[in-house]
Amino acid sequence: VGNLAIGAAAPQYQNLFNQTYGIGSQVGVMLPFSRLHESEADHMGLIFMAMAGYNPNEAVEFWKRMAAQGGGAPPEFLSTHPSNETRINDLKKLVPEAMQYYKK
């Protein structure tokens, strides 16, 4: 569709359009979708670890240790995974739910 809008009279712009469209769909659609899956996996993992007898609060501590290790992580909007900070904040919100499944 974009190539039709650009038209055959401007073939030098077709490649630029295709690259821009590809980057836009990757950053705007695919990466957020992947981060959503990762966040869902964190949520389910927290529930499962609680059911297995592990304290859900330790997941928060684990990600704090991961964040402290640092590393050159890309900005979250360019990543397939939530940032450590986002994970920590999300897990803190989910711990009360997971604690319902936790048995010492």
PDB file of N, CA and C in Angstrom:
ATOM      1  N   VAL A   1       0.836  -1.186   0.000  1.00  0.00           N
ATOM      2  CA  VAL A   1       0.000   0.000   0.000  1.00  0.00           C
ATOM      3  C   VAL A   1       0.880   1.249   0.000  1.00  0.00           C
ATOM      4  N   GLY A   2       1.902   1.243   0.860  1.00  0.00           N
ATOM      5  CA  GLY A   2       2.799   2.389   0.925  1.00  0.00           C
ATOM      6  C   GLY A   2       3.521   2.623  -0.378  1.00  0.00           C
ATOM      7  N   ASN A   3       3.945   1.532  -1.031  1.00  0.00           N
ATOM      8  CA  ASN A   3       4.625   1.675  -2.307  1.00  0.00           C
ATOM      9  C   ASN A   3       3.698   2.267  -3.356  1.00  0.00           C
ATOM     10  N   LEU A   4       2.415   1.927  -3.288  1.00  0.00           N
ATOM     11  CA  LEU A   4       1.451   2.513  -4.213  1.00  0.00           C
ATOM     12  C   LEU A   4       1.301   4.002  -3.943  1.00  0.00           C
ATOM     13  N   ALA A   5       1.294   4.381  -2.678  1.00  0.00           N
ATOM     14  CA  ALA A   5       1.172   5.797  -2.326  1.00  0.00           C
ATOM     15  C   ALA A   5       2.385   6.580  -2.795  1.00  0.00           C
ATOM     16  N   ILE A   6       3.568   5.973  -2.694  1.00  0.00           N
ATOM     17  CA  ILE A   6       4.788   6.633  -3.151  1.00  0.00           C
ATOM     18  C   ILE A   6       4.805   6.685  -4.667  1.00  0.00           C
ATOM     19  N   GLY A   7       4.336   5.622  -5.277  1.00  0.00           N
ATOM     20  CA  GLY A   7       4.224   5.579  -6.727  1.00  0.00           C
ATOM     21  C   GLY A   7       5.487   5.099  -7.404  1.00  0.00           C
ATOM     22  N   ALA A   8       5.303   4.569  -8.585  1.00  0.00           N
ATOM     23  CA  ALA A   8       6.421   4.041  -9.364  1.00  0.00           C
ATOM     24  C   ALA A   8       7.333   5.153  -9.854  1.00  0.00           C
ATOM     25  N   ALA A   9       6.869   6.388  -9.837  1.00  0.00           N
ATOM     26  CA  ALA A   9       7.684   7.503 -10.303  1.00  0.00           C
ATOM     27  C   ALA A   9       8.818   7.828  -9.326  1.00  0.00           C
ATOM     28  N   ALA A  10       8.758   7.298  -8.132  1.00  0.00           N
ATOM     29  CA  ALA A  10       9.789   7.603  -7.135  1.00  0.00           C
ATOM     30  C   ALA A  10      10.377   6.318  -6.564  1.00  0.00           C
ATOM     31  N   PRO A  11      11.017   5.477  -7.389  1.00  0.00           N
ATOM     32  CA  PRO A  11      11.533   4.194  -6.888  1.00  0.00           C
ATOM     33  C   PRO A  11      12.628   4.359  -5.838  1.00  0.00           C
ATOM     34  N   GLN A  12      13.338   5.482  -5.858  1.00  0.00           N
ATOM     35  CA  GLN A  12      14.398   5.686  -4.863  1.00  0.00           C
ATOM     36  C   GLN A  12      13.837   5.804  -3.456  1.00  0.00           C
ATOM     37  N   TYR A  13      12.548   6.126  -3.331  1.00  0.00           N
ATOM     38  CA  TYR A  13      11.930   6.263  -2.016  1.00  0.00           C
ATOM     39  C   TYR A  13      11.269   4.978  -1.528  1.00  0.00           C
ATOM     40  N   GLN A  14      11.084   4.026  -2.416  1.00  0.00           N
ATOM     41  CA  GLN A  14      10.411   2.785  -2.021  1.00  0.00           C
ATOM     42  C   GLN A  14      11.215   2.014  -0.984  1.00  0.00           C
ATOM     43  N   ASN A  15      12.518   1.897  -1.183  1.00  0.00           N
ATOM     44  CA  ASN A  15      13.360   1.179  -0.228  1.00  0.00           C
ATOM     45  C   ASN A  15      13.359   1.892   1.125  1.00  0.00           C
ATOM     46  N   LEU A  16      13.456   3.216   1.095  1.00  0.00           N
ATOM     47  CA  LEU A  16      13.420   3.994   2.335  1.00  0.00           C
ATOM     48  C   LEU A  16      12.093   3.787   3.058  1.00  0.00           C
ATOM     49  N   PHE A  17      10.995   3.806   2.305  1.00  0.00           N
ATOM     50  CA  PHE A  17       9.684   3.586   2.906  1.00  0.00           C
ATOM     51  C   PHE A  17       9.612   2.197   3.538  1.00  0.00           C
ATOM     52  N   ASN A  18      10.063   1.183   2.805  1.00  0.00           N
ATOM     53  CA  ASN A  18      10.000  -0.191   3.317  1.00  0.00           C
ATOM     54  C   ASN A  18      10.823  -0.352   4.593  1.00  0.00           C
ATOM     55  N   GLN A  19      11.995   0.244   4.638  1.00  0.00           N
ATOM     56  CA  GLN A  19      12.824   0.161   5.841  1.00  0.00           C
ATOM     57  C   GLN A  19      12.165   0.881   7.012  1.00  0.00           C
ATOM     58  N   THR A  20      11.636   2.059   6.749  1.00  0.00           N
ATOM     59  CA  THR A  20      10.967   2.828   7.806  1.00  0.00           C
ATOM     60  C   THR A  20       9.741   2.094   8.315  1.00  0.00           C
ATOM     61  N   TYR A  21       8.975   1.538   7.403  1.00  0.00           N
ATOM     62  CA  TYR A  21       7.783   0.776   7.782  1.00  0.00           C
ATOM     63  C   TYR A  21       8.179  -0.434   8.634  1.00  0.00           C
ATOM     64  N   GLY A  22       9.250  -1.119   8.236  1.00  0.00           N
ATOM     65  CA  GLY A  22       9.721  -2.287   8.988  1.00  0.00           C
ATOM     66  C   GLY A  22      10.157  -1.924  10.395  1.00  0.00           C
ATOM     67  N   ILE A  23      10.893  -0.839  10.522  1.00  0.00           N
ATOM     68  CA  ILE A  23      11.328  -0.387  11.848  1.00  0.00           C
ATOM     69  C   ILE A  23      10.126   0.018  12.687  1.00  0.00           C
ATOM     70  N   GLY A  24       9.198   0.744  12.079  1.00  0.00           N
ATOM     71  CA  GLY A  24       8.002   1.186  12.804  1.00  0.00           C
ATOM     72  C   GLY A  24       7.168   0.032  13.304  1.00  0.00           C
ATOM     73  N   SER A  25       6.991  -0.981  12.462  1.00  0.00           N
ATOM     74  CA  SER A  25       6.185  -2.126  12.900  1.00  0.00           C
ATOM     75  C   SER A  25       6.917  -2.929  13.968  1.00  0.00           C
ATOM     76  N   GLN A  26       8.235  -2.996  13.871  1.00  0.00           N
ATOM     77  CA  GLN A  26       9.014  -3.720  14.882  1.00  0.00           C
ATOM     78  C   GLN A  26       8.909  -3.029  16.240  1.00  0.00           C
ATOM     79  N   VAL A  27       9.167  -1.722  16.262  1.00  0.00           N
ATOM     80  CA  VAL A  27       9.166  -0.969  17.524  1.00  0.00           C
ATOM     81  C   VAL A  27       7.749  -0.745  18.038  1.00  0.00           C
ATOM     82  N   GLY A  28       6.807  -0.521  17.125  1.00  0.00           N
ATOM     83  CA  GLY A  28       5.450  -0.180  17.532  1.00  0.00           C
ATOM     84  C   GLY A  28       4.539  -1.348  17.803  1.00  0.00           C
ATOM     85  N   VAL A  29       4.853  -2.529  17.236  1.00  0.00           N
ATOM     86  CA  VAL A  29       3.949  -3.674  17.372  1.00  0.00           C
ATOM     87  C   VAL A  29       4.646  -4.894  17.966  1.00  0.00           C
ATOM     88  N   MET A  30       5.707  -5.342  17.333  1.00  0.00           N
ATOM     89  CA  MET A  30       6.316  -6.618  17.712  1.00  0.00           C
ATOM     90  C   MET A  30       7.013  -6.570  19.076  1.00  0.00           C
ATOM     91  N   LEU A  31       7.814  -5.555  19.331  1.00  0.00           N
ATOM     92  CA  LEU A  31       8.536  -5.503  20.607  1.00  0.00           C
ATOM     93  C   LEU A  31       7.596  -5.346  21.800  1.00  0.00           C
ATOM     94  N   PRO A  32       6.596  -4.448  21.735  1.00  0.00           N
ATOM     95  CA  PRO A  32       5.663  -4.380  22.873  1.00  0.00           C
ATOM     96  C   PRO A  32       4.920  -5.698  23.094  1.00  0.00           C
ATOM     97  N   PHE A  33       4.579  -6.396  22.003  1.00  0.00           N
ATOM     98  CA  PHE A  33       3.891  -7.685  22.104  1.00  0.00           C
ATOM     99  C   PHE A  33       4.783  -8.693  22.817  1.00  0.00           C
ATOM    100  N   SER A  34       6.076  -8.698  22.487  1.00  0.00           N
ATOM    101  CA  SER A  34       7.022  -9.607  23.129  1.00  0.00           C
ATOM    102  C   SER A  34       7.191  -9.262  24.609  1.00  0.00           C
ATOM    103  N   ARG A  35       7.260  -7.969  24.928  1.00  0.00           N
ATOM    104  CA  ARG A  35       7.372  -7.561  26.338  1.00  0.00           C
ATOM    105  C   ARG A  35       6.131  -7.977  27.114  1.00  0.00           C
ATOM    106  N   LEU A  36       4.984  -7.921  26.469  1.00  0.00           N
ATOM    107  CA  LEU A  36       3.748  -8.361  27.120  1.00  0.00           C
ATOM    108  C   LEU A  36       3.836  -9.842  27.473  1.00  0.00           C
ATOM    109  N   HIS A  37       4.374 -10.654  26.556  1.00  0.00           N
ATOM    110  CA  HIS A  37       4.554 -12.085  26.839  1.00  0.00           C
ATOM    111  C   HIS A  37       5.514 -12.299  27.999  1.00  0.00           C
ATOM    112  N   GLU A  38       6.597 -11.545  28.026  1.00  0.00           N
ATOM    113  CA  GLU A  38       7.565 -11.663  29.117  1.00  0.00           C
ATOM    114  C   GLU A  38       6.934 -11.290  30.455  1.00  0.00           C
ATOM    115  N   SER A  39       6.124 -10.241  30.459  1.00  0.00           N
ATOM    116  CA  SER A  39       5.456  -9.827  31.698  1.00  0.00           C
ATOM    117  C   SER A  39       4.465 -10.882  32.159  1.00  0.00           C
ATOM    118  N   GLU A  40       3.774 -11.488  31.205  1.00  0.00           N
ATOM    119  CA  GLU A  40       2.843 -12.568  31.556  1.00  0.00           C
ATOM    120  C   GLU A  40       3.608 -13.760  32.131  1.00  0.00           C
ATOM    121  N   ALA A  41       4.753 -14.069  31.550  1.00  0.00           N
ATOM    122  CA  ALA A  41       5.574 -15.173  32.059  1.00  0.00           C
ATOM    123  C   ALA A  41       6.069 -14.870  33.473  1.00  0.00           C
ATOM    124  N   ASP A  42       6.434 -13.621  33.735  1.00  0.00           N
ATOM    125  CA  ASP A  42       6.843 -13.238  35.090  1.00  0.00           C
ATOM    126  C   ASP A  42       5.694 -13.443  36.069  1.00  0.00           C
ATOM    127  N   HIS A  43       4.496 -13.048  35.665  1.00  0.00           N
ATOM    128  CA  HIS A  43       3.314 -13.183  36.519  1.00  0.00           C
ATOM    129  C   HIS A  43       3.055 -14.657  36.832  1.00  0.00           C
ATOM    130  N   MET A  44       3.025 -15.478  35.801  1.00  0.00           N
ATOM    131  CA  MET A  44       2.761 -16.906  36.004  1.00  0.00           C
ATOM    132  C   MET A  44       3.892 -17.556  36.800  1.00  0.00           C
ATOM    133  N   GLY A  45       5.130 -17.165  36.514  1.00  0.00           N
ATOM    134  CA  GLY A  45       6.263 -17.708  37.257  1.00  0.00           C
ATOM    135  C   GLY A  45       6.184 -17.391  38.737  1.00  0.00           C
ATOM    136  N   LEU A  46       5.721 -16.194  39.049  1.00  0.00           N
ATOM    137  CA  LEU A  46       5.562 -15.796  40.447  1.00  0.00           C
ATOM    138  C   LEU A  46       4.523 -16.672  41.146  1.00  0.00           C
ATOM    139  N   ILE A  47       3.418 -16.937  40.463  1.00  0.00           N
ATOM    140  CA  ILE A  47       2.366 -17.802  41.020  1.00  0.00           C
ATOM    141  C   ILE A  47       2.904 -19.224  41.210  1.00  0.00           C
ATOM    142  N   PHE A  48       3.581 -19.741  40.185  1.00  0.00           N
ATOM    143  CA  PHE A  48       4.095 -21.115  40.258  1.00  0.00           C
ATOM    144  C   PHE A  48       5.157 -21.262  41.341  1.00  0.00           C
ATOM    145  N   MET A  49       6.028 -20.258  41.485  1.00  0.00           N
ATOM    146  CA  MET A  49       7.051 -20.376  42.532  1.00  0.00           C
ATOM    147  C   MET A  49       6.402 -20.368  43.906  1.00  0.00           C
ATOM    148  N   ALA A  50       5.329 -19.587  44.071  1.00  0.00           N
ATOM    149  CA  ALA A  50       4.611 -19.574  45.353  1.00  0.00           C
ATOM    150  C   ALA A  50       3.962 -20.925  45.613  1.00  0.00           C
ATOM    151  N   MET A  51       3.361 -21.508  44.582  1.00  0.00           N
ATOM    152  CA  MET A  51       2.717 -22.817  44.730  1.00  0.00           C
ATOM    153  C   MET A  51       3.737 -23.899  45.063  1.00  0.00           C
ATOM    154  N   ALA A  52       4.971 -23.707  44.599  1.00  0.00           N
ATOM    155  CA  ALA A  52       6.032 -24.683  44.857  1.00  0.00           C
ATOM    156  C   ALA A  52       6.695 -24.471  46.216  1.00  0.00           C
ATOM    157  N   GLY A  53       6.250 -23.444  46.948  1.00  0.00           N
ATOM    158  CA  GLY A  53       6.786 -23.224  48.285  1.00  0.00           C
ATOM    159  C   GLY A  53       7.890 -22.197  48.385  1.00  0.00           C
ATOM    160  N   TYR A  54       8.141 -21.471  47.295  1.00  0.00           N
ATOM    161  CA  TYR A  54       9.162 -20.421  47.331  1.00  0.00           C
ATOM    162  C   TYR A  54       8.497 -19.082  47.625  1.00  0.00           C
ATOM    163  N   ASN A  55       9.136 -18.284  48.442  1.00  0.00           N
ATOM    164  CA  ASN A  55       8.595 -16.990  48.829  1.00  0.00           C
ATOM    165  C   ASN A  55       8.586 -16.044  47.625  1.00  0.00           C
ATOM    166  N   PRO A  56       7.417 -15.556  47.201  1.00  0.00           N
ATOM    167  CA  PRO A  56       7.334 -14.659  46.050  1.00  0.00           C
ATOM    168  C   PRO A  56       8.127 -13.362  46.219  1.00  0.00           C
ATOM    169  N   ASN A  57       8.331 -12.936  47.457  1.00  0.00           N
ATOM    170  CA  ASN A  57       9.122 -11.721  47.680  1.00  0.00           C
ATOM    171  C   ASN A  57      10.553 -11.872  47.175  1.00  0.00           C
ATOM    172  N   GLU A  58      11.023 -13.105  47.096  1.00  0.00           N
ATOM    173  CA  GLU A  58      12.390 -13.339  46.627  1.00  0.00           C
ATOM    174  C   GLU A  58      12.549 -13.028  45.140  1.00  0.00           C
ATOM    175  N   ALA A  59      11.463 -13.058  44.388  1.00  0.00           N
ATOM    176  CA  ALA A  59      11.539 -12.688  42.969  1.00  0.00           C
ATOM    177  C   ALA A  59      11.917 -11.217  42.831  1.00  0.00           C
ATOM    178  N   VAL A  60      11.350 -10.388  43.684  1.00  0.00           N
ATOM    179  CA  VAL A  60      11.687  -8.963  43.676  1.00  0.00           C
ATOM    180  C   VAL A  60      13.158  -8.785  44.022  1.00  0.00           C
ATOM    181  N   GLU A  61      13.622  -9.496  45.041  1.00  0.00           N
ATOM    182  CA  GLU A  61      15.029  -9.392  45.445  1.00  0.00           C
ATOM    183  C   GLU A  61      15.956  -9.888  44.338  1.00  0.00           C
ATOM    184  N   PHE A  62      15.550 -10.939  43.652  1.00  0.00           N
ATOM    185  CA  PHE A  62      16.340 -11.466  42.534  1.00  0.00           C
ATOM    186  C   PHE A  62      16.537 -10.390  41.466  1.00  0.00           C
ATOM    187  N   TRP A  63      15.443  -9.722  41.072  1.00  0.00           N
ATOM    188  CA  TRP A  63      15.550  -8.711  40.017  1.00  0.00           C
ATOM    189  C   TRP A  63      16.301  -7.475  40.493  1.00  0.00           C
ATOM    190  N   LYS A  64      16.264  -7.193  41.774  1.00  0.00           N
ATOM    191  CA  LYS A  64      17.089  -6.102  42.302  1.00  0.00           C
ATOM    192  C   LYS A  64      18.566  -6.443  42.139  1.00  0.00           C
ATOM    193  N   ARG A  65      18.914  -7.704  42.414  1.00  0.00           N
ATOM    194  CA  ARG A  65      20.309  -8.140  42.226  1.00  0.00           C
ATOM    195  C   ARG A  65      20.692  -8.088  40.750  1.00  0.00           C
ATOM    196  N   MET A  66      19.785  -8.493  39.880  1.00  0.00           N
ATOM    197  CA  MET A  66      20.055  -8.435  38.437  1.00  0.00           C
ATOM    198  C   MET A  66      20.297  -6.990  38.001  1.00  0.00           C
ATOM    199  N   ALA A  67      19.465  -6.078  38.496  1.00  0.00           N
ATOM    200  CA  ALA A  67      19.615  -4.663  38.134  1.00  0.00           C
ATOM    201  C   ALA A  67      20.945  -4.114  38.639  1.00  0.00           C
ATOM    202  N   ALA A  68      21.355  -4.550  39.827  1.00  0.00           N
ATOM    203  CA  ALA A  68      22.613  -4.073  40.404  1.00  0.00           C
ATOM    204  C   ALA A  68      23.819  -4.548  39.599  1.00  0.00           C
ATOM    205  N   GLN A  69      23.678  -5.688  38.921  1.00  0.00           N
ATOM    206  CA  GLN A  69      24.768  -6.194  38.089  1.00  0.00           C
ATOM    207  C   GLN A  69      25.002  -5.289  36.889  1.00  0.00           C
ATOM    208  N   GLY A  70      23.975  -4.513  36.558  1.00  0.00           N
ATOM    209  CA  GLY A  70      24.113  -3.559  35.459  1.00  0.00           C
ATOM    210  C   GLY A  70      24.177  -4.244  34.117  1.00  0.00           C
ATOM    211  N   GLY A  71      24.900  -3.631  33.246  1.00  0.00           N
ATOM    212  CA  GLY A  71      24.983  -4.139  31.888  1.00  0.00           C
ATOM    213  C   GLY A  71      24.397  -3.115  30.939  1.00  0.00           C
ATOM    214  N   GLY A  72      24.786  -3.208  29.729  1.00  0.00           N
ATOM    215  CA  GLY A  72      24.349  -2.250  28.719  1.00  0.00           C
ATOM    216  C   GLY A  72      23.043  -2.631  28.074  1.00  0.00           C
ATOM    217  N   ALA A  73      21.985  -2.618  28.831  1.00  0.00           N
ATOM    218  CA  ALA A  73      20.670  -2.952  28.283  1.00  0.00           C
ATOM    219  C   ALA A  73      20.174  -1.815  27.399  1.00  0.00           C
ATOM    220  N   PRO A  74      19.535  -2.163  26.282  1.00  0.00           N
ATOM    221  CA  PRO A  74      18.966  -1.115  25.430  1.00  0.00           C
ATOM    222  C   PRO A  74      17.760  -0.487  26.114  1.00  0.00           C
ATOM    223  N   PRO A  75      17.320   0.662  25.633  1.00  0.00           N
ATOM    224  CA  PRO A  75      16.091   1.234  26.189  1.00  0.00           C
ATOM    225  C   PRO A  75      14.947   0.229  26.048  1.00  0.00           C
ATOM    226  N   GLU A  76      14.034   0.251  26.992  1.00  0.00           N
ATOM    227  CA  GLU A  76      12.959  -0.747  27.005  1.00  0.00           C
ATOM    228  C   GLU A  76      12.186  -0.778  25.690  1.00  0.00           C
ATOM    229  N   PHE A  77      11.955   0.372  25.077  1.00  0.00           N
ATOM    230  CA  PHE A  77      11.153   0.387  23.857  1.00  0.00           C
ATOM    231  C   PHE A  77      11.854  -0.298  22.684  1.00  0.00           C
ATOM    232  N   LEU A  78      13.149  -0.566  22.814  1.00  0.00           N
ATOM    233  CA  LEU A  78      13.885  -1.296  21.781  1.00  0.00           C
ATOM    234  C   LEU A  78      14.194  -2.734  22.193  1.00  0.00           C
ATOM    235  N   SER A  79      13.620  -3.183  23.283  1.00  0.00           N
ATOM    236  CA  SER A  79      13.940  -4.504  23.817  1.00  0.00           C
ATOM    237  C   SER A  79      12.748  -5.448  23.751  1.00  0.00           C
ATOM    238  N   THR A  80      13.052  -6.733  23.709  1.00  0.00           N
ATOM    239  CA  THR A  80      12.002  -7.754  23.758  1.00  0.00           C
ATOM    240  C   THR A  80      11.599  -8.071  25.187  1.00  0.00           C
ATOM    241  N   HIS A  81      12.326  -7.526  26.154  1.00  0.00           N
ATOM    242  CA  HIS A  81      12.069  -7.802  27.567  1.00  0.00           C
ATOM    243  C   HIS A  81      11.803  -6.501  28.318  1.00  0.00           C
ATOM    244  N   PRO A  82      10.982  -6.562  29.358  1.00  0.00           N
ATOM    245  CA  PRO A  82      10.812  -5.378  30.206  1.00  0.00           C
ATOM    246  C   PRO A  82      12.143  -5.038  30.885  1.00  0.00           C
ATOM    247  N   SER A  83      12.333  -3.780  31.196  1.00  0.00           N
ATOM    248  CA  SER A  83      13.545  -3.386  31.922  1.00  0.00           C
ATOM    249  C   SER A  83      13.502  -3.980  33.326  1.00  0.00           C
ATOM    250  N   ASN A  84      14.662  -4.050  33.958  1.00  0.00           N
ATOM    251  CA  ASN A  84      14.705  -4.550  35.338  1.00  0.00           C
ATOM    252  C   ASN A  84      13.797  -3.722  36.241  1.00  0.00           C
ATOM    253  N   GLU A  85      13.818  -2.406  36.064  1.00  0.00           N
ATOM    254  CA  GLU A  85      12.992  -1.523  36.891  1.00  0.00           C
ATOM    255  C   GLU A  85      11.504  -1.828  36.703  1.00  0.00           C
ATOM    256  N   THR A  86      11.093  -2.018  35.458  1.00  0.00           N
ATOM    257  CA  THR A  86       9.689  -2.352  35.189  1.00  0.00           C
ATOM    258  C   THR A  86       9.337  -3.690  35.814  1.00  0.00           C
ATOM    259  N   ARG A  87      10.226  -4.663  35.659  1.00  0.00           N
ATOM    260  CA  ARG A  87       9.961  -5.983  36.246  1.00  0.00           C
ATOM    261  C   ARG A  87       9.823  -5.888  37.762  1.00  0.00           C
ATOM    262  N   ILE A  88      10.713  -5.166  38.396  1.00  0.00           N
ATOM    263  CA  ILE A  88      10.666  -5.028  39.854  1.00  0.00           C
ATOM    264  C   ILE A  88       9.346  -4.394  40.279  1.00  0.00           C
ATOM    265  N   ASN A  89       8.970  -3.302  39.619  1.00  0.00           N
ATOM    266  CA  ASN A  89       7.717  -2.622  39.972  1.00  0.00           C
ATOM    267  C   ASN A  89       6.504  -3.512  39.734  1.00  0.00           C
ATOM    268  N   ASP A  90       6.501  -4.230  38.606  1.00  0.00           N
ATOM    269  CA  ASP A  90       5.373  -5.128  38.309  1.00  0.00           C
ATOM    270  C   ASP A  90       5.291  -6.262  39.329  1.00  0.00           C
ATOM    271  N   LEU A  91       6.440  -6.852  39.660  1.00  0.00           N
ATOM    272  CA  LEU A  91       6.444  -7.956  40.621  1.00  0.00           C
ATOM    273  C   LEU A  91       5.981  -7.506  42.002  1.00  0.00           C
ATOM    274  N   LYS A  92       6.389  -6.308  42.401  1.00  0.00           N
ATOM    275  CA  LYS A  92       5.932  -5.789  43.697  1.00  0.00           C
ATOM    276  C   LYS A  92       4.405  -5.726  43.747  1.00  0.00           C
ATOM    277  N   LYS A  93       3.797  -5.328  42.637  1.00  0.00           N
ATOM    278  CA  LYS A  93       2.331  -5.245  42.578  1.00  0.00           C
ATOM    279  C   LYS A  93       1.679  -6.624  42.586  1.00  0.00           C
ATOM    280  N   LEU A  94       2.393  -7.624  42.060  1.00  0.00           N
ATOM    281  CA  LEU A  94       1.834  -8.971  41.936  1.00  0.00           C
ATOM    282  C   LEU A  94       2.080  -9.853  43.161  1.00  0.00           C
ATOM    283  N   VAL A  95       3.024  -9.481  44.009  1.00  0.00           N
ATOM    284  CA  VAL A  95       3.360 -10.305  45.176  1.00  0.00           C
ATOM    285  C   VAL A  95       2.144 -10.593  46.055  1.00  0.00           C
ATOM    286  N   PRO A  96       1.280  -9.612  46.360  1.00  0.00           N
ATOM    287  CA  PRO A  96       0.123  -9.940  47.216  1.00  0.00           C
ATOM    288  C   PRO A  96      -0.756 -11.054  46.637  1.00  0.00           C
ATOM    289  N   GLU A  97      -0.947 -11.053  45.332  1.00  0.00           N
ATOM    290  CA  GLU A  97      -1.720 -12.133  44.706  1.00  0.00           C
ATOM    291  C   GLU A  97      -0.999 -13.466  44.867  1.00  0.00           C
ATOM    292  N   ALA A  98       0.308 -13.466  44.604  1.00  0.00           N
ATOM    293  CA  ALA A  98       1.083 -14.706  44.690  1.00  0.00           C
ATOM    294  C   ALA A  98       1.135 -15.243  46.114  1.00  0.00           C
ATOM    295  N   MET A  99       1.113 -14.355  47.095  1.00  0.00           N
ATOM    296  CA  MET A  99       1.180 -14.791  48.496  1.00  0.00           C
ATOM    297  C   MET A  99      -0.021 -15.650  48.882  1.00  0.00           C
ATOM    298  N   GLN A 100      -1.118 -15.515  48.158  1.00  0.00           N
ATOM    299  CA  GLN A 100      -2.294 -16.351  48.421  1.00  0.00           C
ATOM    300  C   GLN A 100      -1.998 -17.826  48.144  1.00  0.00           C
ATOM    301  N   TYR A 101      -1.011 -18.079  47.292  1.00  0.00           N
ATOM    302  CA  TYR A 101      -0.654 -19.453  46.918  1.00  0.00           C
ATOM    303  C   TYR A 101       0.546 -19.978  47.698  1.00  0.00           C
ATOM    304  N   TYR A 102       1.189 -19.094  48.456  1.00  0.00           N
ATOM    305  CA  TYR A 102       2.421 -19.451  49.147  1.00  0.00           C
ATOM    306  C   TYR A 102       2.122 -20.165  50.454  1.00  0.00           C
ATOM    307  N   LYS A 103       2.732 -21.327  50.611  1.00  0.00           N
ATOM    308  CA  LYS A 103       2.621 -22.081  51.862  1.00  0.00           C
ATOM    309  C   LYS A 103       4.034 -22.388  52.323  1.00  0.00           C
ATOM    310  N   LYS A 104       4.358 -21.971  53.536  1.00  0.00           N
ATOM    311  CA  LYS A 104       5.718 -22.174  54.063  1.00  0.00           C
ATOM    312  C   LYS A 104       5.983 -23.630  54.333  1.00  0.00           C
TER     313      LYS A 104
END
